[in-house]
């Protein structure tokens, strides 16, 4: 057997209904050569708690599936990127799941935001369909949420993640059988009202083509094929179905009052028969709300988007600056909320100089350099709420923003904590967010927040009085010497005093005395 050359990479998509594994190689940008695919229906989000908690049985099923997927990935010696979506994202006990995944299955799970999920889905669909130059609308219906995104080329123009999912709405409207017309009517009304504000915004972007991905949408497309008299088992990639065909399929589905009867419908995936009513109504209402006449089916979605995104990062070599997407979204948030961008830009440049000069001491790689840069640019966004305790407001704004694209949930947490500790008290165990970090993350946050504090002090007047800064370690005395160079004609005395007052966190994090002085 001739196998594709090059290293293998694996993506695991931990959804509300199913967990999927994709192992592939990327021989060229934008290309994937699939080596293995696996899927297990685990129903992480099922149970009637509106996904506030993951049931113990669901966690057991999920961890068992991840352990098996780890074994498959190991066959190909593939590195793994695992992302979790709605069910894990919303669960109060999601740390239990991610900890067990790490400890028992050897898989580090990143919980991604709904908007980041939408971006990756769009990236997957974009590479599966011949629509690169067109303005593309993508809908993905999951078990817990529905992602809606409009983009052109690789730029996301607008992305939304709505708490409308096939399992979520089944638990809410169709938990009992047989289903009734009243249940269907109530569900339709609910979905329509939930969609209306978002649809109104997306329509103004004038998408030229619409695409759908996910198991729910593929099942509905297969049923549409069966109604045409075509083979519902054929490859659905780039298949077009009309809104009227979907409407006819939906009518057929809601006319079957039980899952057992729905499972017998041509084209139906039997394991999906119990949740397909809710999923079908979501798609029906999305197409109507956005006035979509034709929908193309993309067989690429989140997991393909993850691999393509990772391939882009790998192809670009080591990061020494925020990647374009990540930086653009960071700058967008800073532009919107920071009242003095020039100050944030300057102190961030100083902080990065300190990071580079102390690399041998702190041992943090370029991925952490990116987090420091983002935190520096965003440390003052809390001023938008109030000056009082604005460091805490900055944490909240960063942590809950939907504008930070390209970052994982874990990275956003670290950025938010670095910004949170840019002033006032040092991290303490009584701070719940800090207490929730692993020891390695605590050290990284302390080091990076310490560097940021010194850099902020070095621009205390917001006047750029310090042009640049350098740092060297005197190993014999256990001292970090920070030497600042003043800008022409500037009086740096306030900056030197302020930086000296802010150095303690950095000194404690590095285990060194810190001396700050003015260079010649």
Protein backbone atom coordinates (compact mmCIF):
# COMPACT_ATOMS: atom_id res chain seq x y z
CA UNK A 1 0.00 0.00 0.00
CA UNK A 2 1.40 3.41 -0.98
CA UNK A 3 0.94 5.84 1.89
CA UNK A 4 1.22 9.63 1.68
CA UNK A 5 4.59 10.93 2.80
CA UNK A 6 5.20 13.31 5.66
CA UNK A 7 4.19 13.40 9.34
CA UNK A 8 0.66 12.54 10.37
CA UNK A 9 -1.55 14.77 12.47
CA UNK A 10 -4.80 13.97 14.25
CA UNK A 11 -7.78 16.12 15.16
CA UNK A 12 -10.38 15.08 17.70
CA UNK A 13 -13.70 16.93 17.74
CA UNK A 14 -15.47 16.40 21.07
CA UNK A 15 -19.04 17.35 20.34
CA UNK A 16 -22.29 17.17 22.24
CA UNK A 17 -23.55 14.17 20.29
CA UNK A 18 -20.43 12.48 18.93
CA UNK A 19 -16.66 12.41 19.22
CA UNK A 20 -14.83 12.27 15.89
CA UNK A 21 -11.23 11.43 15.06
CA UNK A 22 -9.49 12.41 11.83
CA UNK A 23 -5.90 11.38 11.10
CA UNK A 24 -4.34 12.94 8.01
CA UNK A 25 -1.23 14.28 6.38
CA UNK A 26 -0.99 17.71 4.78
CA UNK A 27 1.33 17.36 1.78
CA UNK A 28 0.63 20.93 0.65
CA UNK A 29 -1.13 24.01 2.06
CA UNK A 30 -4.91 23.51 2.01
CA UNK A 31 -4.68 19.78 1.28
CA UNK A 32 -5.46 16.85 3.53
CA UNK A 33 -4.77 13.19 2.76
CA UNK A 34 -6.90 11.15 5.14
CA UNK A 35 -5.34 8.14 6.85
CA UNK A 36 -8.05 7.19 9.34
CA UNK A 37 -11.46 8.35 10.56
CA UNK A 38 -13.41 7.21 13.60
CA UNK A 39 -16.69 8.29 15.18
CA UNK A 40 -18.40 7.34 18.41
CA UNK A 41 -21.82 8.55 19.53
CA UNK A 42 -21.32 9.34 23.22
CA UNK A 43 -24.10 11.90 23.91
CA UNK A 44 -22.03 14.03 26.28
CA UNK A 45 -24.76 16.65 26.44
CA UNK A 46 -27.75 14.37 26.93
CA UNK A 47 -29.64 14.28 30.19
CA UNK A 48 -32.08 17.15 30.58
CA UNK A 49 -29.76 19.46 32.60
CA UNK A 50 -29.49 21.89 29.69
CA UNK A 51 -25.81 20.89 29.64
CA UNK A 52 -24.99 22.55 32.94
CA UNK A 53 -23.21 19.36 34.01
CA UNK A 54 -21.71 16.32 32.32
CA UNK A 55 -23.25 13.14 33.71
CA UNK A 56 -20.78 10.61 35.17
CA UNK A 57 -21.83 7.99 32.60
CA UNK A 58 -21.29 10.47 29.76
CA UNK A 59 -17.82 11.29 31.06
CA UNK A 60 -16.99 7.58 31.21
CA UNK A 61 -18.15 7.10 27.61
CA UNK A 62 -16.17 10.11 26.46
CA UNK A 63 -12.93 9.09 28.18
CA UNK A 64 -13.24 5.53 26.83
CA UNK A 65 -13.68 6.89 23.30
CA UNK A 66 -10.67 9.19 23.70
CA UNK A 67 -8.54 6.30 24.93
CA UNK A 68 -9.42 4.29 21.82
CA UNK A 69 -8.79 7.27 19.56
CA UNK A 70 -5.40 7.76 21.19
CA UNK A 71 -4.53 4.18 20.20
CA UNK A 72 -5.59 4.81 16.58
CA UNK A 73 -3.56 8.01 16.38
CA UNK A 74 -0.53 6.17 17.77
CA UNK A 75 -0.67 3.72 14.86
CA UNK A 76 0.29 6.62 12.61
CA UNK A 77 2.56 8.27 15.19
CA UNK A 78 0.31 11.31 14.87
CA UNK A 79 0.35 14.31 17.19
CA UNK A 80 -3.15 15.12 18.45
CA UNK A 81 -5.09 18.35 18.64
CA UNK A 82 -8.32 17.80 20.57
CA UNK A 83 -11.02 20.45 20.81
CA UNK A 84 -14.21 20.37 22.85
CA UNK A 85 -17.33 22.34 22.00
CA UNK A 86 -20.73 23.12 23.45
CA UNK A 87 -21.35 20.31 25.96
CA UNK A 88 -17.93 20.57 27.59
CA UNK A 89 -17.76 24.34 27.16
CA UNK A 90 -20.95 24.91 29.14
CA UNK A 91 -20.57 22.23 31.81
CA UNK A 92 -19.75 23.36 35.32
CA UNK A 93 -17.64 20.22 35.76
CA UNK A 94 -15.75 20.46 32.47
CA UNK A 95 -12.43 20.46 34.38
CA UNK A 96 -13.19 16.93 35.53
CA UNK A 97 -13.52 15.80 31.92
CA UNK A 98 -10.41 17.59 30.65
CA UNK A 99 -8.32 16.38 33.61
CA UNK A 100 -9.36 12.78 33.09
CA UNK A 101 -8.72 13.07 29.35
CA UNK A 102 -5.19 14.21 30.09
CA UNK A 103 -4.47 11.73 32.88
CA UNK A 104 -6.23 8.61 31.55
CA UNK A 105 -6.18 9.00 27.76
CA UNK A 106 -3.04 11.11 27.42
CA UNK A 107 -4.94 13.76 25.46
CA UNK A 108 -4.82 17.47 26.20
CA UNK A 109 -8.27 18.85 25.41
CA UNK A 110 -8.71 22.50 24.46
CA UNK A 111 -12.16 23.92 25.12
CA UNK A 112 -12.83 26.40 22.32
CA UNK A 113 -15.29 29.26 22.21
CA UNK A 114 -18.35 29.14 20.00
CA UNK A 115 -16.97 31.84 17.74
CA UNK A 116 -13.63 30.04 17.37
CA UNK A 117 -15.57 26.89 16.57
CA UNK A 118 -17.44 28.80 13.86
CA UNK A 119 -14.16 30.11 12.40
CA UNK A 120 -12.66 26.63 12.16
CA UNK A 121 -15.85 25.23 10.62
CA UNK A 122 -15.73 27.99 8.00
CA UNK A 123 -12.08 27.15 7.28
CA UNK A 124 -12.98 23.50 6.76
CA UNK A 125 -15.93 24.26 4.48
CA UNK A 126 -13.89 26.77 2.52
CA UNK A 127 -11.38 24.08 1.56
CA UNK A 128 -14.04 21.51 0.71
CA UNK A 129 -16.05 23.60 -1.77
CA UNK A 130 -15.09 25.55 -4.91
CA UNK A 131 -16.28 28.85 -3.43
CA UNK A 132 -13.06 30.56 -2.36
CA UNK A 133 -13.76 33.86 -4.11
CA UNK A 134 -17.43 34.02 -3.12
CA UNK A 135 -18.94 35.36 0.07
CA UNK A 136 -19.83 32.19 1.93
CA UNK A 137 -22.45 31.54 4.59
CA UNK A 138 -21.92 28.33 6.59
CA UNK A 139 -24.29 26.65 9.02
CA UNK A 140 -23.25 23.77 11.27
CA UNK A 141 -25.86 22.15 13.52
CA UNK A 142 -24.41 20.33 16.48
CA UNK A 143 -25.96 18.63 19.45
CA UNK A 144 -25.67 21.64 21.73
CA UNK A 145 -25.20 24.65 19.48
CA UNK A 146 -25.55 25.90 15.94
CA UNK A 147 -22.69 27.85 14.40
CA UNK A 148 -23.40 30.49 11.76
CA UNK A 149 -20.60 32.27 9.95
CA UNK A 150 -20.18 34.53 6.94
CA UNK A 151 -16.75 34.91 5.40
CA UNK A 152 -14.90 35.60 2.19
CA UNK A 153 -11.69 33.80 1.34
CA UNK A 154 -10.15 33.11 4.75
CA UNK A 155 -11.53 36.23 6.39
CA UNK A 156 -14.40 35.76 8.81
CA UNK A 157 -16.78 38.70 8.48
CA UNK A 158 -19.20 37.63 11.20
CA UNK A 159 -19.57 34.52 13.35
CA UNK A 160 -22.23 33.48 15.81
CA UNK A 161 -22.71 30.48 18.05
CA UNK A 162 -26.30 29.97 19.18
CA UNK A 163 -27.54 27.64 21.89
CA UNK A 164 -29.71 25.80 19.40
CA UNK A 165 -28.66 22.18 19.09
CA UNK A 166 -30.34 18.93 18.14
CA UNK A 167 -29.88 17.35 21.57
CA UNK A 168 -30.58 20.53 23.51
CA UNK A 169 -33.89 21.12 21.73
CA UNK A 170 -34.85 17.45 21.81
CA UNK A 171 -34.51 17.50 25.60
CA UNK A 172 -36.57 20.69 25.71
CA UNK A 173 -39.38 19.97 23.23
CA UNK A 174 -39.36 16.28 22.27
CA UNK A 175 -38.39 14.34 25.38
CA UNK A 176 -41.64 12.37 25.21
CA UNK A 177 -43.08 10.26 22.40
CA UNK A 178 -45.08 10.35 20.28
CA UNK A 179 -44.27 13.87 19.11
CA UNK A 180 -47.27 16.10 18.43
CA UNK A 181 -48.07 19.01 16.14
CA UNK A 182 -48.12 21.22 19.21
CA UNK A 183 -44.55 20.21 20.11
CA UNK A 184 -43.36 20.93 16.58
CA UNK A 185 -45.14 24.29 16.54
CA UNK A 186 -43.60 25.32 19.87
CA UNK A 187 -40.11 24.30 18.73
CA UNK A 188 -40.43 26.19 15.45
CA UNK A 189 -41.59 29.33 17.25
CA UNK A 190 -38.72 29.11 19.73
CA UNK A 191 -36.05 28.60 17.04
CA UNK A 192 -37.45 31.40 14.91
CA UNK A 193 -37.42 33.90 17.79
CA UNK A 194 -33.90 32.82 18.82
CA UNK A 195 -32.57 33.18 15.27
CA UNK A 196 -34.18 36.45 14.26
CA UNK A 197 -31.65 39.01 15.64
CA UNK A 198 -28.64 37.09 14.34
CA UNK A 199 -30.19 36.39 10.94
CA UNK A 200 -30.98 40.08 10.53
CA UNK A 201 -27.30 40.95 11.01
CA UNK A 202 -25.95 38.20 8.75
CA UNK A 203 -28.32 39.02 5.90
CA UNK A 204 -26.82 42.52 5.68
CA UNK A 205 -23.50 40.92 4.66
CA UNK A 206 -25.12 39.62 1.47
CA UNK A 207 -23.67 36.10 1.30
CA UNK A 208 -23.54 34.72 -2.24
CA UNK A 209 -23.52 30.99 -1.50
CA UNK A 210 -24.66 28.89 1.45
CA UNK A 211 -23.07 25.71 2.78
CA UNK A 212 -24.06 23.25 5.48
CA UNK A 213 -22.03 20.72 7.41
CA UNK A 214 -22.56 18.33 10.33
CA UNK A 215 -24.18 14.94 10.72
CA UNK A 216 -27.65 16.44 11.00
CA UNK A 217 -27.36 18.29 7.71
CA UNK A 218 -25.74 15.35 5.92
CA UNK A 219 -28.62 13.13 7.08
CA UNK A 220 -31.20 15.60 5.76
CA UNK A 221 -29.31 15.82 2.45
CA UNK A 222 -29.22 12.01 2.18
CA UNK A 223 -32.98 11.92 2.75
CA UNK A 224 -33.43 14.55 0.02
CA UNK A 225 -31.41 12.33 -2.33
CA UNK A 226 -33.59 9.36 -1.46
CA UNK A 227 -36.69 11.40 -2.31
CA UNK A 228 -35.12 12.11 -5.71
CA UNK A 229 -34.69 8.39 -6.23
CA UNK A 230 -30.92 8.77 -5.98
CA UNK A 231 -28.53 6.76 -3.81
CA UNK A 232 -28.57 8.30 -0.31
CA UNK A 233 -25.25 6.62 0.45
CA UNK A 234 -23.28 8.44 -2.23
CA UNK A 235 -20.59 11.01 -1.42
CA UNK A 236 -22.40 14.16 -0.35
CA UNK A 237 -19.49 16.53 -0.88
CA UNK A 238 -20.54 19.63 -2.88
CA UNK A 239 -24.05 18.23 -3.33
CA UNK A 240 -26.69 20.96 -3.69
CA UNK A 241 -30.12 20.64 -2.12
CA UNK A 242 -32.86 23.22 -2.33
CA UNK A 243 -34.76 24.77 0.52
CA UNK A 244 -37.96 23.25 -0.85
CA UNK A 245 -36.36 19.78 -0.80
CA UNK A 246 -35.34 20.31 2.83
CA UNK A 247 -38.86 21.49 3.65
CA UNK A 248 -40.30 18.29 2.16
CA UNK A 249 -37.87 16.18 4.20
CA UNK A 250 -38.79 18.07 7.36
CA UNK A 251 -42.48 17.43 6.72
CA UNK A 252 -41.71 13.74 6.32
CA UNK A 253 -39.74 13.65 9.56
CA UNK A 254 -42.29 15.48 11.73
CA UNK A 255 -45.03 13.23 10.36
CA UNK A 256 -43.31 10.21 11.92
CA UNK A 257 -44.31 10.36 15.59
CA UNK A 258 -41.66 8.03 17.03
CA UNK A 259 -37.93 7.52 16.62
CA UNK A 260 -38.57 3.92 15.60
CA UNK A 261 -40.73 5.08 12.70
CA UNK A 262 -38.29 7.83 11.71
CA UNK A 263 -35.42 5.32 11.64
CA UNK A 264 -37.15 3.54 8.77
CA UNK A 265 -37.31 6.63 6.53
CA UNK A 266 -35.11 6.38 3.41
CA UNK A 267 -31.76 8.04 3.95
CA UNK A 268 -32.16 8.32 7.73
CA UNK A 269 -29.17 7.52 9.94
CA UNK A 270 -30.81 5.28 12.54
CA UNK A 271 -28.70 6.50 15.48
CA UNK A 272 -29.85 10.05 14.78
CA UNK A 273 -33.57 9.31 14.54
CA UNK A 274 -34.32 10.37 18.11
CA UNK A 275 -32.82 13.87 17.71
CA UNK A 276 -33.43 14.55 14.01
CA UNK A 277 -36.75 16.39 14.51
CA UNK A 278 -35.07 19.20 16.44
CA UNK A 279 -32.11 19.32 14.04
CA UNK A 280 -34.40 19.41 10.99
CA UNK A 281 -36.41 22.29 12.43
CA UNK A 282 -33.23 24.26 13.12
CA UNK A 283 -32.05 23.91 9.51
CA UNK A 284 -35.52 24.69 8.16
CA UNK A 285 -35.67 27.90 10.17
CA UNK A 286 -32.09 28.94 9.35
CA UNK A 287 -32.72 28.63 5.62
CA UNK A 288 -35.95 30.62 5.94
CA UNK A 289 -34.44 33.34 8.15
CA UNK A 290 -31.53 33.94 5.79
CA UNK A 291 -33.61 33.49 2.64
CA UNK A 292 -31.42 30.61 1.38
CA UNK A 293 -32.74 28.88 -1.74
CA UNK A 294 -29.93 26.36 -2.19
CA UNK A 295 -27.53 24.72 0.23
CA UNK A 296 -24.26 23.03 -0.68
CA UNK A 297 -23.07 20.20 1.51
CA UNK A 298 -19.54 20.36 2.90
CA UNK A 299 -18.09 17.11 4.22
CA UNK A 300 -15.34 19.17 5.85
CA UNK A 301 -16.18 20.88 9.12
CA UNK A 302 -14.56 21.46 12.51
CA UNK A 303 -11.99 18.65 12.63
CA UNK A 304 -10.77 19.37 9.09
CA UNK A 305 -10.62 23.06 9.99
CA UNK A 306 -8.49 22.21 13.02
CA UNK A 307 -5.98 20.27 10.90
CA UNK A 308 -5.87 22.94 8.21
CA UNK A 309 -5.36 25.63 10.83
CA UNK A 310 -2.58 23.64 12.47
CA UNK A 311 -0.95 23.04 9.08
CA UNK A 312 -0.92 26.80 8.47
CA UNK A 313 0.87 27.37 11.76
CA UNK A 314 3.35 24.57 11.08
CA UNK A 315 4.02 25.82 7.57
CA UNK A 316 4.73 29.30 8.83
CA UNK A 317 7.63 28.17 10.99
CA UNK A 318 8.21 29.31 14.57
CA UNK A 319 5.96 32.16 15.68
CA UNK A 320 7.81 35.24 16.82
CA UNK A 321 4.82 37.54 16.53
CA UNK A 322 1.10 37.14 16.84
CA UNK A 323 -0.14 35.36 13.74
CA UNK A 324 -2.16 37.57 11.42
CA UNK A 325 -5.58 36.32 12.50
CA UNK A 326 -4.79 36.36 16.20
CA UNK A 327 -3.15 39.75 16.06
CA UNK A 328 -5.95 41.24 13.96
CA UNK A 329 -8.60 40.13 16.44
CA UNK A 330 -6.51 41.34 19.39
CA UNK A 331 -5.97 44.74 17.82
CA UNK A 332 -9.66 44.96 16.95
CA UNK A 333 -10.64 44.50 20.60
CA UNK A 334 -7.94 46.91 21.78
CA UNK A 335 -9.02 49.54 19.25
CA UNK A 336 -12.59 49.28 20.48
CA UNK A 337 -11.92 49.54 24.22
CA UNK A 338 -8.43 50.90 25.06
CA UNK A 339 -8.43 54.71 25.43
CA UNK A 340 -4.65 55.01 24.86
CA UNK A 341 -3.51 52.56 22.21
CA UNK A 342 -0.12 54.25 21.70
CA UNK A 343 0.75 53.61 25.35
CA UNK A 344 -0.25 49.95 25.13
CA UNK A 345 1.69 49.47 21.90
CA UNK A 346 4.84 51.01 23.38
CA UNK A 347 4.85 49.18 26.71
CA UNK A 348 4.10 45.91 24.91
CA UNK A 349 7.19 46.42 22.75
CA UNK A 350 9.23 46.98 25.94
CA UNK A 351 7.75 43.87 27.55
CA UNK A 352 8.68 41.77 24.52
CA UNK A 353 12.26 43.08 24.65
CA UNK A 354 12.43 41.94 28.27
CA UNK A 355 10.92 38.57 27.36
CA UNK A 356 13.55 37.97 24.68
CA UNK A 357 16.45 39.02 26.90
CA UNK A 358 15.34 36.80 29.78
CA UNK A 359 14.49 33.73 27.67
CA UNK A 360 17.32 31.65 29.11
CA UNK A 361 16.03 32.32 32.62
CA UNK A 362 12.28 31.89 32.23
CA UNK A 363 12.48 29.10 29.60
CA UNK A 364 9.15 30.01 27.98
CA UNK A 365 8.80 29.49 24.24
CA UNK A 366 7.37 31.72 21.51
CA UNK A 367 3.82 30.57 22.19
CA UNK A 368 4.06 32.40 25.53
CA UNK A 369 5.57 35.42 23.79
CA UNK A 370 2.33 35.65 21.83
CA UNK A 371 0.30 35.53 25.02
CA UNK A 372 2.38 38.31 26.54
CA UNK A 373 1.92 40.44 23.43
CA UNK A 374 -1.84 39.93 23.48
CA UNK A 375 -2.05 40.69 27.21
CA UNK A 376 0.04 43.83 26.77
CA UNK A 377 -2.18 45.13 24.00
CA UNK A 378 -5.33 44.32 25.99
CA UNK A 379 -4.33 45.01 29.60
CA UNK A 380 -6.29 48.27 29.76
CA UNK A 381 -9.53 47.23 28.04
CA UNK A 382 -11.19 47.11 31.45
CA UNK A 383 -11.06 50.92 31.53
CA UNK A 384 -14.07 50.78 29.23
CA UNK A 385 -16.08 49.66 32.27
CA UNK A 386 -14.46 51.63 35.09
CA UNK A 387 -11.05 52.88 36.20
CA UNK A 388 -11.59 51.44 39.64
CA UNK A 389 -10.32 47.85 39.66
CA UNK A 390 -9.94 48.01 35.89
CA UNK A 391 -7.43 45.15 35.99
CA UNK A 392 -10.26 42.90 37.16
CA UNK A 393 -12.56 44.31 34.49
CA UNK A 394 -9.86 43.60 31.90
CA UNK A 395 -9.86 39.96 32.97
CA UNK A 396 -13.61 39.77 32.53
CA UNK A 397 -13.65 41.53 29.13
CA UNK A 398 -10.85 39.37 27.71
CA UNK A 399 -12.20 36.14 29.17
CA UNK A 400 -15.69 36.62 27.80
CA UNK A 401 -14.96 38.37 24.51
CA UNK A 402 -16.08 36.66 21.32
CA UNK A 403 -13.64 38.74 19.26
CA UNK A 404 -10.42 36.86 20.05
CA UNK A 405 -10.22 34.51 17.07
CA UNK A 406 -7.52 31.90 16.65
CA UNK A 407 -6.93 31.44 20.39
CA UNK A 408 -7.98 28.42 22.37
CA UNK A 409 -10.06 28.81 25.50
CA UNK A 410 -7.01 27.95 27.61
CA UNK A 411 -4.89 30.60 25.88
CA UNK A 412 -7.60 33.21 26.43
CA UNK A 413 -7.67 32.31 30.13
CA UNK A 414 -3.91 32.84 30.38
CA UNK A 415 -4.06 36.14 28.48
CA UNK A 416 -6.85 37.33 30.77
CA UNK A 417 -4.90 36.40 33.90
CA UNK A 418 -1.70 38.07 32.69
CA UNK A 419 -3.72 41.25 32.09
CA UNK A 420 -5.52 40.88 35.42
CA UNK A 421 -2.21 40.90 37.33
CA UNK A 422 -0.66 43.85 35.51
CA UNK A 423 -1.27 45.98 38.63
CA UNK A 424 -2.25 45.87 42.29
CA UNK A 425 -1.81 42.65 44.29
CA UNK A 426 0.19 39.65 43.16
CA UNK A 427 -1.63 36.37 42.45
CA UNK A 428 -3.01 34.66 45.55
CA UNK A 429 -4.44 31.23 46.21
CA UNK A 430 -7.69 32.84 47.36
CA UNK A 431 -8.24 34.13 43.79
CA UNK A 432 -10.40 31.35 42.26
CA UNK A 433 -9.17 31.79 38.67
CA UNK A 434 -5.54 31.62 39.80
CA UNK A 435 -6.25 28.65 42.03
CA UNK A 436 -7.71 26.82 39.04
CA UNK A 437 -4.45 26.96 37.06
CA UNK A 438 -1.93 24.13 36.89
CA UNK A 439 1.45 24.85 38.46
CA UNK A 440 3.21 25.36 35.11
CA UNK A 441 0.55 27.85 34.04
CA UNK A 442 0.84 29.70 37.34
CA UNK A 443 4.55 30.17 36.83
CA UNK A 444 4.05 31.35 33.25
CA UNK A 445 1.38 33.88 34.27
CA UNK A 446 3.57 35.18 37.11
CA UNK A 447 6.59 35.61 34.84
CA UNK A 448 4.65 37.28 32.04
CA UNK A 449 2.62 39.53 34.34
CA UNK A 450 5.89 40.44 36.08
CA UNK A 451 7.47 41.45 32.77
CA UNK A 452 4.34 43.42 31.90
CA UNK A 453 4.39 45.28 35.22
CA UNK A 454 7.96 46.44 34.71
CA UNK A 455 7.21 47.51 31.13
CA UNK A 456 4.14 49.47 32.28
CA UNK A 457 6.32 51.25 34.84
CA UNK A 458 8.79 52.11 32.10
CA UNK A 459 6.06 54.05 30.30
CA UNK A 460 4.43 55.55 33.38
CA UNK A 461 4.07 59.00 31.81
CA UNK A 462 2.55 57.55 28.58
CA UNK A 463 5.10 59.72 26.75
CA UNK A 464 7.55 57.15 25.42
CA UNK A 465 10.31 58.47 27.69
CA UNK A 466 12.06 55.08 27.56
CA UNK A 467 12.98 54.23 23.98
CA UNK A 468 14.15 50.69 24.62
CA UNK A 469 15.20 48.32 27.37
CA UNK A 470 17.69 45.53 27.72
CA UNK A 471 18.20 42.89 30.40
CA UNK A 472 21.12 40.68 31.39
CA UNK A 473 21.57 38.12 34.13
CA UNK A 474 24.52 38.32 36.50
CA UNK A 475 24.67 34.66 37.57
CA UNK A 476 27.33 35.20 40.19
CA UNK A 477 25.16 37.61 42.17
CA UNK A 478 21.78 36.16 41.19
CA UNK A 479 20.67 39.48 39.76
CA UNK A 480 18.71 40.57 36.72
CA UNK A 481 20.01 43.92 35.46
CA UNK A 482 17.40 45.90 33.51
CA UNK A 483 18.95 48.81 31.68
CA UNK A 484 16.66 51.40 30.09
CA UNK A 485 17.62 53.84 27.35
CA UNK A 486 15.91 57.23 27.46
CA UNK A 487 14.41 58.82 24.37
CA UNK A 488 16.15 61.97 23.16
CA UNK A 489 15.38 64.91 25.41
CA UNK A 490 13.17 62.87 27.77
CA UNK A 491 13.28 62.86 31.57
CA UNK A 492 12.93 59.18 32.55
CA UNK A 493 13.01 59.63 36.32
CA UNK A 494 9.31 58.85 36.83
CA UNK A 495 9.63 55.74 34.64
CA UNK A 496 12.64 54.40 36.54
CA UNK A 497 10.95 54.95 39.89
CA UNK A 498 7.67 53.34 38.74
CA UNK A 499 9.38 50.30 37.24
CA UNK A 500 11.36 49.80 40.45
CA UNK A 501 8.12 49.88 42.44
CA UNK A 502 6.61 47.23 40.16
CA UNK A 503 9.48 44.73 40.00
CA UNK A 504 8.63 42.41 42.92
CA UNK A 505 6.38 39.98 41.03
CA UNK A 506 9.04 39.48 38.34
CA UNK A 507 11.77 39.03 40.96
CA UNK A 508 9.75 36.40 42.80
CA UNK A 509 8.78 34.56 39.60
CA UNK A 510 12.37 34.38 38.32
CA UNK A 511 14.02 33.88 41.70
CA UNK A 512 16.39 36.79 41.04
CA UNK A 513 16.98 40.24 42.43
CA UNK A 514 15.97 42.84 39.87
CA UNK A 515 17.91 46.08 39.47
CA UNK A 516 16.63 48.80 37.14
CA UNK A 517 18.91 51.56 35.92
CA UNK A 518 19.39 54.10 33.16
CA UNK A 519 21.92 53.29 30.48
CA UNK A 520 24.30 55.69 28.87
